[in-house]
Amino acid sequence: MPKFLKIYVRKVHRWLAIPTIVLIPLMIVTNKTPANLKIQKFLQIFMLALAVTGLYLLILPWWSKWNKKKNNK
């Protein structure tokens, strides 16, 4: 994987966490209001993006080890 991609994914993951942390309490406060539905949509998008980038960051060490072993042979 290119190094800039690793750094970029880490930065995106960090910046996605901030609005997610803000939206969760906001969703609890606005429970059962029309604004809650809009907040839920944004929260779902952020949570999905966090899951994808988090999965990439979780698999990255194993991917690097696998590539090193493959290149050494």
PDB file of N, CA and C in Angstrom:
ATOM      1  N   MET A   1       0.838  -1.189   0.000  1.00  0.00           N
ATOM      2  CA  MET A   1       0.000   0.000   0.000  1.00  0.00           C
ATOM      3  C   MET A   1       0.882   1.251   0.000  1.00  0.00           C
ATOM      4  N   PRO A   2       0.518   2.235  -0.743  1.00  0.00           N
ATOM      5  CA  PRO A   2       1.276   3.486  -0.716  1.00  0.00           C
ATOM      6  C   PRO A   2       1.183   4.154   0.662  1.00  0.00           C
ATOM      7  N   LYS A   3       2.280   4.753   1.058  1.00  0.00           N
ATOM      8  CA  LYS A   3       2.339   5.367   2.381  1.00  0.00           C
ATOM      9  C   LYS A   3       1.338   6.510   2.519  1.00  0.00           C
ATOM     10  N   PHE A   4       1.126   7.283   1.458  1.00  0.00           N
ATOM     11  CA  PHE A   4       0.187   8.405   1.548  1.00  0.00           C
ATOM     12  C   PHE A   4      -1.234   7.908   1.787  1.00  0.00           C
ATOM     13  N   LEU A   5      -1.568   6.710   1.274  1.00  0.00           N
ATOM     14  CA  LEU A   5      -2.903   6.151   1.492  1.00  0.00           C
ATOM     15  C   LEU A   5      -3.097   5.791   2.962  1.00  0.00           C
ATOM     16  N   LYS A   6      -2.066   5.215   3.570  1.00  0.00           N
ATOM     17  CA  LYS A   6      -2.146   4.860   4.989  1.00  0.00           C
ATOM     18  C   LYS A   6      -2.370   6.105   5.841  1.00  0.00           C
ATOM     19  N   ILE A   7      -1.597   7.131   5.567  1.00  0.00           N
ATOM     20  CA  ILE A   7      -1.709   8.372   6.337  1.00  0.00           C
ATOM     21  C   ILE A   7      -3.063   9.030   6.098  1.00  0.00           C
ATOM     22  N   TYR A   8      -3.512   9.033   4.848  1.00  0.00           N
ATOM     23  CA  TYR A   8      -4.791   9.654   4.497  1.00  0.00           C
ATOM     24  C   TYR A   8      -5.957   8.947   5.192  1.00  0.00           C
ATOM     25  N   VAL A   9      -5.941   7.625   5.208  1.00  0.00           N
ATOM     26  CA  VAL A   9      -7.020   6.869   5.858  1.00  0.00           C
ATOM     27  C   VAL A   9      -7.026   7.137   7.356  1.00  0.00           C
ATOM     28  N   ARG A  10      -5.864   7.213   7.967  1.00  0.00           N
ATOM     29  CA  ARG A  10      -5.801   7.518   9.405  1.00  0.00           C
ATOM     30  C   ARG A  10      -6.393   8.896   9.706  1.00  0.00           C
ATOM     31  N   LYS A  11      -6.047   9.879   8.883  1.00  0.00           N
ATOM     32  CA  LYS A  11      -6.577  11.229   9.100  1.00  0.00           C
ATOM     33  C   LYS A  11      -8.083  11.270   8.900  1.00  0.00           C
ATOM     34  N   VAL A  12      -8.588  10.603   7.873  1.00  0.00           N
ATOM     35  CA  VAL A  12     -10.034  10.560   7.631  1.00  0.00           C
ATOM     36  C   VAL A  12     -10.738   9.889   8.799  1.00  0.00           C
ATOM     37  N   HIS A  13     -10.158   8.800   9.290  1.00  0.00           N
ATOM     38  CA  HIS A  13     -10.759   8.081  10.415  1.00  0.00           C
ATOM     39  C   HIS A  13     -10.834   8.981  11.652  1.00  0.00           C
ATOM     40  N   ARG A  14      -9.771   9.712  11.919  1.00  0.00           N
ATOM     41  CA  ARG A  14      -9.766  10.615  13.081  1.00  0.00           C
ATOM     42  C   ARG A  14     -10.792  11.729  12.927  1.00  0.00           C
ATOM     43  N   TRP A  15     -10.863  12.319  11.730  1.00  0.00           N
ATOM     44  CA  TRP A  15     -11.788  13.431  11.527  1.00  0.00           C
ATOM     45  C   TRP A  15     -13.239  12.978  11.473  1.00  0.00           C
ATOM     46  N   LEU A  16     -13.498  11.738  11.102  1.00  0.00           N
ATOM     47  CA  LEU A  16     -14.867  11.221  11.129  1.00  0.00           C
ATOM     48  C   LEU A  16     -15.339  10.957  12.554  1.00  0.00           C
ATOM     49  N   ALA A  17     -14.409  10.695  13.436  1.00  0.00           N
ATOM     50  CA  ALA A  17     -14.779  10.412  14.823  1.00  0.00           C
ATOM     51  C   ALA A  17     -15.356  11.649  15.510  1.00  0.00           C
ATOM     52  N   ILE A  18     -14.874  12.821  15.167  1.00  0.00           N
ATOM     53  CA  ILE A  18     -15.327  14.048  15.835  1.00  0.00           C
ATOM     54  C   ILE A  18     -16.813  14.312  15.601  1.00  0.00           C
ATOM     55  N   PRO A  19     -17.303  14.346  14.356  1.00  0.00           N
ATOM     56  CA  PRO A  19     -18.746  14.572  14.196  1.00  0.00           C
ATOM     57  C   PRO A  19     -19.588  13.426  14.742  1.00  0.00           C
ATOM     58  N   THR A  20     -19.051  12.222  14.722  1.00  0.00           N
ATOM     59  CA  THR A  20     -19.800  11.093  15.278  1.00  0.00           C
ATOM     60  C   THR A  20     -19.987  11.271  16.774  1.00  0.00           C
ATOM     61  N   ILE A  21     -18.942  11.698  17.453  1.00  0.00           N
ATOM     62  CA  ILE A  21     -19.027  11.923  18.897  1.00  0.00           C
ATOM     63  C   ILE A  21     -20.011  13.048  19.208  1.00  0.00           C
ATOM     64  N   VAL A  22     -20.078  14.047  18.364  1.00  0.00           N
ATOM     65  CA  VAL A  22     -21.018  15.156  18.573  1.00  0.00           C
ATOM     66  C   VAL A  22     -22.451  14.724  18.262  1.00  0.00           C
ATOM     67  N   LEU A  23     -22.632  13.924  17.227  1.00  0.00           N
ATOM     68  CA  LEU A  23     -23.982  13.548  16.796  1.00  0.00           C
ATOM     69  C   LEU A  23     -24.669  12.555  17.730  1.00  0.00           C
ATOM     70  N   ILE A  24     -23.928  11.698  18.398  1.00  0.00           N
ATOM     71  CA  ILE A  24     -24.563  10.705  19.278  1.00  0.00           C
ATOM     72  C   ILE A  24     -25.308  11.375  20.430  1.00  0.00           C
ATOM     73  N   PRO A  25     -24.687  12.272  21.215  1.00  0.00           N
ATOM     74  CA  PRO A  25     -25.469  12.937  22.270  1.00  0.00           C
ATOM     75  C   PRO A  25     -26.581  13.820  21.711  1.00  0.00           C
ATOM     76  N   LEU A  26     -26.332  14.444  20.562  1.00  0.00           N
ATOM     77  CA  LEU A  26     -27.354  15.278  19.939  1.00  0.00           C
ATOM     78  C   LEU A  26     -28.571  14.443  19.553  1.00  0.00           C
ATOM     79  N   MET A  27     -28.335  13.239  19.098  1.00  0.00           N
ATOM     80  CA  MET A  27     -29.434  12.348  18.742  1.00  0.00           C
ATOM     81  C   MET A  27     -30.231  11.942  19.984  1.00  0.00           C
ATOM     82  N   ILE A  28     -29.548  11.730  21.079  1.00  0.00           N
ATOM     83  CA  ILE A  28     -30.231  11.367  22.327  1.00  0.00           C
ATOM     84  C   ILE A  28     -31.082  12.526  22.828  1.00  0.00           C
ATOM     85  N   VAL A  29     -30.555  13.741  22.733  1.00  0.00           N
ATOM     86  CA  VAL A  29     -31.283  14.924  23.208  1.00  0.00           C
ATOM     87  C   VAL A  29     -32.512  15.201  22.349  1.00  0.00           C
ATOM     88  N   THR A  30     -32.399  15.004  21.056  1.00  0.00           N
ATOM     89  CA  THR A  30     -33.510  15.314  20.152  1.00  0.00           C
ATOM     90  C   THR A  30     -34.375  14.088  19.862  1.00  0.00           C
ATOM     91  N   ASN A  31     -34.434  13.187  20.790  1.00  0.00           N
ATOM     92  CA  ASN A  31     -35.205  11.956  20.599  1.00  0.00           C
ATOM     93  C   ASN A  31     -36.678  12.262  20.307  1.00  0.00           C
ATOM     94  N   LYS A  32     -37.221  11.576  19.321  1.00  0.00           N
ATOM     95  CA  LYS A  32     -38.630  11.685  18.917  1.00  0.00           C
ATOM     96  C   LYS A  32     -38.997  13.080  18.395  1.00  0.00           C
ATOM     97  N   THR A  33     -38.098  13.676  17.661  1.00  0.00           N
ATOM     98  CA  THR A  33     -38.385  14.940  16.982  1.00  0.00           C
ATOM     99  C   THR A  33     -38.032  14.764  15.507  1.00  0.00           C
ATOM    100  N   PRO A  34     -38.553  15.634  14.639  1.00  0.00           N
ATOM    101  CA  PRO A  34     -38.207  15.512  13.212  1.00  0.00           C
ATOM    102  C   PRO A  34     -36.709  15.683  12.937  1.00  0.00           C
ATOM    103  N   ALA A  35     -36.041  16.471  13.755  1.00  0.00           N
ATOM    104  CA  ALA A  35     -34.603  16.667  13.558  1.00  0.00           C
ATOM    105  C   ALA A  35     -33.829  15.379  13.817  1.00  0.00           C
ATOM    106  N   ASN A  36     -34.385  14.529  14.648  1.00  0.00           N
ATOM    107  CA  ASN A  36     -33.705  13.282  14.980  1.00  0.00           C
ATOM    108  C   ASN A  36     -33.525  12.400  13.747  1.00  0.00           C
ATOM    109  N   LEU A  37     -34.491  12.396  12.847  1.00  0.00           N
ATOM    110  CA  LEU A  37     -34.377  11.572  11.645  1.00  0.00           C
ATOM    111  C   LEU A  37     -33.226  12.032  10.755  1.00  0.00           C
ATOM    112  N   LYS A  38     -33.054  13.345  10.641  1.00  0.00           N
ATOM    113  CA  LYS A  38     -31.948  13.875   9.839  1.00  0.00           C
ATOM    114  C   LYS A  38     -30.609  13.546  10.494  1.00  0.00           C
ATOM    115  N   ILE A  39     -30.562  13.682  11.811  1.00  0.00           N
ATOM    116  CA  ILE A  39     -29.326  13.382  12.536  1.00  0.00           C
ATOM    117  C   ILE A  39     -28.980  11.908  12.393  1.00  0.00           C
ATOM    118  N   GLN A  40     -29.994  11.051  12.435  1.00  0.00           N
ATOM    119  CA  GLN A  40     -29.747   9.617  12.299  1.00  0.00           C
ATOM    120  C   GLN A  40     -29.134   9.277  10.947  1.00  0.00           C
ATOM    121  N   LYS A  41     -29.579   9.936   9.901  1.00  0.00           N
ATOM    122  CA  LYS A  41     -29.021   9.668   8.571  1.00  0.00           C
ATOM    123  C   LYS A  41     -27.537  10.027   8.515  1.00  0.00           C
ATOM    124  N   PHE A  42     -27.187  11.200   9.054  1.00  0.00           N
ATOM    125  CA  PHE A  42     -25.781  11.589   9.077  1.00  0.00           C
ATOM    126  C   PHE A  42     -24.970  10.639   9.946  1.00  0.00           C
ATOM    127  N   LEU A  43     -25.537  10.272  11.080  1.00  0.00           N
ATOM    128  CA  LEU A  43     -24.830   9.377  11.991  1.00  0.00           C
ATOM    129  C   LEU A  43     -24.581   8.021  11.340  1.00  0.00           C
ATOM    130  N   GLN A  44     -25.542   7.523  10.598  1.00  0.00           N
ATOM    131  CA  GLN A  44     -25.363   6.239   9.916  1.00  0.00           C
ATOM    132  C   GLN A  44     -24.248   6.313   8.880  1.00  0.00           C
ATOM    133  N   ILE A  45     -24.183   7.417   8.155  1.00  0.00           N
ATOM    134  CA  ILE A  45     -23.122   7.580   7.156  1.00  0.00           C
ATOM    135  C   ILE A  45     -21.759   7.642   7.836  1.00  0.00           C
ATOM    136  N   PHE A  46     -21.658   8.417   8.910  1.00  0.00           N
ATOM    137  CA  PHE A  46     -20.387   8.527   9.625  1.00  0.00           C
ATOM    138  C   PHE A  46     -19.978   7.194  10.242  1.00  0.00           C
ATOM    139  N   MET A  47     -20.938   6.467  10.805  1.00  0.00           N
ATOM    140  CA  MET A  47     -20.624   5.180  11.423  1.00  0.00           C
ATOM    141  C   MET A  47     -20.152   4.172  10.370  1.00  0.00           C
ATOM    142  N   LEU A  48     -20.770   4.181   9.213  1.00  0.00           N
ATOM    143  CA  LEU A  48     -20.343   3.283   8.141  1.00  0.00           C
ATOM    144  C   LEU A  48     -18.928   3.631   7.677  1.00  0.00           C
ATOM    145  N   ALA A  49     -18.662   4.907   7.509  1.00  0.00           N
ATOM    146  CA  ALA A  49     -17.318   5.332   7.099  1.00  0.00           C
ATOM    147  C   ALA A  49     -16.288   4.994   8.173  1.00  0.00           C
ATOM    148  N   LEU A  50     -16.643   5.165   9.442  1.00  0.00           N
ATOM    149  CA  LEU A  50     -15.736   4.797  10.527  1.00  0.00           C
ATOM    150  C   LEU A  50     -15.471   3.300  10.531  1.00  0.00           C
ATOM    151  N   ALA A  51     -16.494   2.509  10.270  1.00  0.00           N
ATOM    152  CA  ALA A  51     -16.317   1.058  10.239  1.00  0.00           C
ATOM    153  C   ALA A  51     -15.382   0.636   9.106  1.00  0.00           C
ATOM    154  N   VAL A  52     -15.544   1.235   7.941  1.00  0.00           N
ATOM    155  CA  VAL A  52     -14.702   0.872   6.791  1.00  0.00           C
ATOM    156  C   VAL A  52     -13.253   1.283   7.033  1.00  0.00           C
ATOM    157  N   THR A  53     -13.039   2.512   7.475  1.00  0.00           N
ATOM    158  CA  THR A  53     -11.663   2.959   7.716  1.00  0.00           C
ATOM    159  C   THR A  53     -11.048   2.226   8.902  1.00  0.00           C
ATOM    160  N   GLY A  54     -11.852   1.929   9.910  1.00  0.00           N
ATOM    161  CA  GLY A  54     -11.350   1.167  11.053  1.00  0.00           C
ATOM    162  C   GLY A  54     -10.955  -0.241  10.667  1.00  0.00           C
ATOM    163  N   LEU A  55     -11.731  -0.866   9.801  1.00  0.00           N
ATOM    164  CA  LEU A  55     -11.390  -2.205   9.316  1.00  0.00           C
ATOM    165  C   LEU A  55     -10.080  -2.167   8.536  1.00  0.00           C
ATOM    166  N   TYR A  56      -9.904  -1.156   7.724  1.00  0.00           N
ATOM    167  CA  TYR A  56      -8.647  -1.003   6.982  1.00  0.00           C
ATOM    168  C   TYR A  56      -7.472  -0.862   7.950  1.00  0.00           C
ATOM    169  N   LEU A  57      -7.636  -0.028   8.980  1.00  0.00           N
ATOM    170  CA  LEU A  57      -6.553   0.174   9.939  1.00  0.00           C
ATOM    171  C   LEU A  57      -6.288  -1.084  10.757  1.00  0.00           C
ATOM    172  N   LEU A  58      -7.307  -1.895  10.985  1.00  0.00           N
ATOM    173  CA  LEU A  58      -7.137  -3.145  11.719  1.00  0.00           C
ATOM    174  C   LEU A  58      -6.368  -4.167  10.886  1.00  0.00           C
ATOM    175  N   ILE A  59      -6.672  -4.254   9.611  1.00  0.00           N
ATOM    176  CA  ILE A  59      -6.056  -5.252   8.732  1.00  0.00           C
ATOM    177  C   ILE A  59      -4.671  -4.816   8.252  1.00  0.00           C
ATOM    178  N   LEU A  60      -4.370  -3.548   8.308  1.00  0.00           N
ATOM    179  CA  LEU A  60      -3.123  -3.007   7.766  1.00  0.00           C
ATOM    180  C   LEU A  60      -1.859  -3.703   8.284  1.00  0.00           C
ATOM    181  N   PRO A  61      -1.701  -3.974   9.591  1.00  0.00           N
ATOM    182  CA  PRO A  61      -0.471  -4.653  10.040  1.00  0.00           C
ATOM    183  C   PRO A  61      -0.303  -6.046   9.425  1.00  0.00           C
ATOM    184  N   TRP A  62      -1.387  -6.810   9.352  1.00  0.00           N
ATOM    185  CA  TRP A  62      -1.302  -8.148   8.765  1.00  0.00           C
ATOM    186  C   TRP A  62      -1.003  -8.066   7.270  1.00  0.00           C
ATOM    187  N   TRP A  63      -1.590  -7.094   6.614  1.00  0.00           N
ATOM    188  CA  TRP A  63      -1.354  -6.899   5.184  1.00  0.00           C
ATOM    189  C   TRP A  63       0.126  -6.593   4.936  1.00  0.00           C
ATOM    190  N   SER A  64       0.698  -5.741   5.771  1.00  0.00           N
ATOM    191  CA  SER A  64       2.112  -5.382   5.620  1.00  0.00           C
ATOM    192  C   SER A  64       3.008  -6.595   5.845  1.00  0.00           C
ATOM    193  N   LYS A  65       2.710  -7.392   6.878  1.00  0.00           N
ATOM    194  CA  LYS A  65       3.506  -8.594   7.144  1.00  0.00           C
ATOM    195  C   LYS A  65       3.404  -9.575   5.983  1.00  0.00           C
ATOM    196  N   TRP A  66       2.222  -9.739   5.443  1.00  0.00           N
ATOM    197  CA  TRP A  66       2.021 -10.668   4.339  1.00  0.00           C
ATOM    198  C   TRP A  66       2.812 -10.215   3.112  1.00  0.00           C
ATOM    199  N   ASN A  67       2.801  -8.908   2.849  1.00  0.00           N
ATOM    200  CA  ASN A  67       3.554  -8.378   1.702  1.00  0.00           C
ATOM    201  C   ASN A  67       5.058  -8.534   1.891  1.00  0.00           C
ATOM    202  N   LYS A  68       5.544  -8.347   3.124  1.00  0.00           N
ATOM    203  CA  LYS A  68       6.977  -8.512   3.382  1.00  0.00           C
ATOM    204  C   LYS A  68       7.404  -9.954   3.155  1.00  0.00           C
ATOM    205  N   LYS A  69       6.591 -10.898   3.641  1.00  0.00           N
ATOM    206  CA  LYS A  69       6.919 -12.311   3.443  1.00  0.00           C
ATOM    207  C   LYS A  69       6.882 -12.670   1.962  1.00  0.00           C
ATOM    208  N   LYS A  70       5.926 -12.116   1.248  1.00  0.00           N
ATOM    209  CA  LYS A  70       5.781 -12.398  -0.178  1.00  0.00           C
ATOM    210  C   LYS A  70       6.973 -11.837  -0.958  1.00  0.00           C
ATOM    211  N   ASN A  71       7.443 -10.654  -0.578  1.00  0.00           N
ATOM    212  CA  ASN A  71       8.562 -10.019  -1.282  1.00  0.00           C
ATOM    213  C   ASN A  71       9.900 -10.681  -0.958  1.00  0.00           C
ATOM    214  N   ASN A  72      10.024 -11.283   0.228  1.00  0.00           N
ATOM    215  CA  ASN A  72      11.278 -11.924   0.623  1.00  0.00           C
ATOM    216  C   ASN A  72      11.500 -13.252  -0.094  1.00  0.00           C
ATOM    217  N   LYS A  73      10.463 -13.858  -0.593  1.00  0.00           N
ATOM    218  CA  LYS A  73      10.616 -15.165  -1.260  1.00  0.00           C
ATOM    219  C   LYS A  73      11.065 -15.033  -2.673  1.00  0.00           C
TER     220      LYS A  73
END
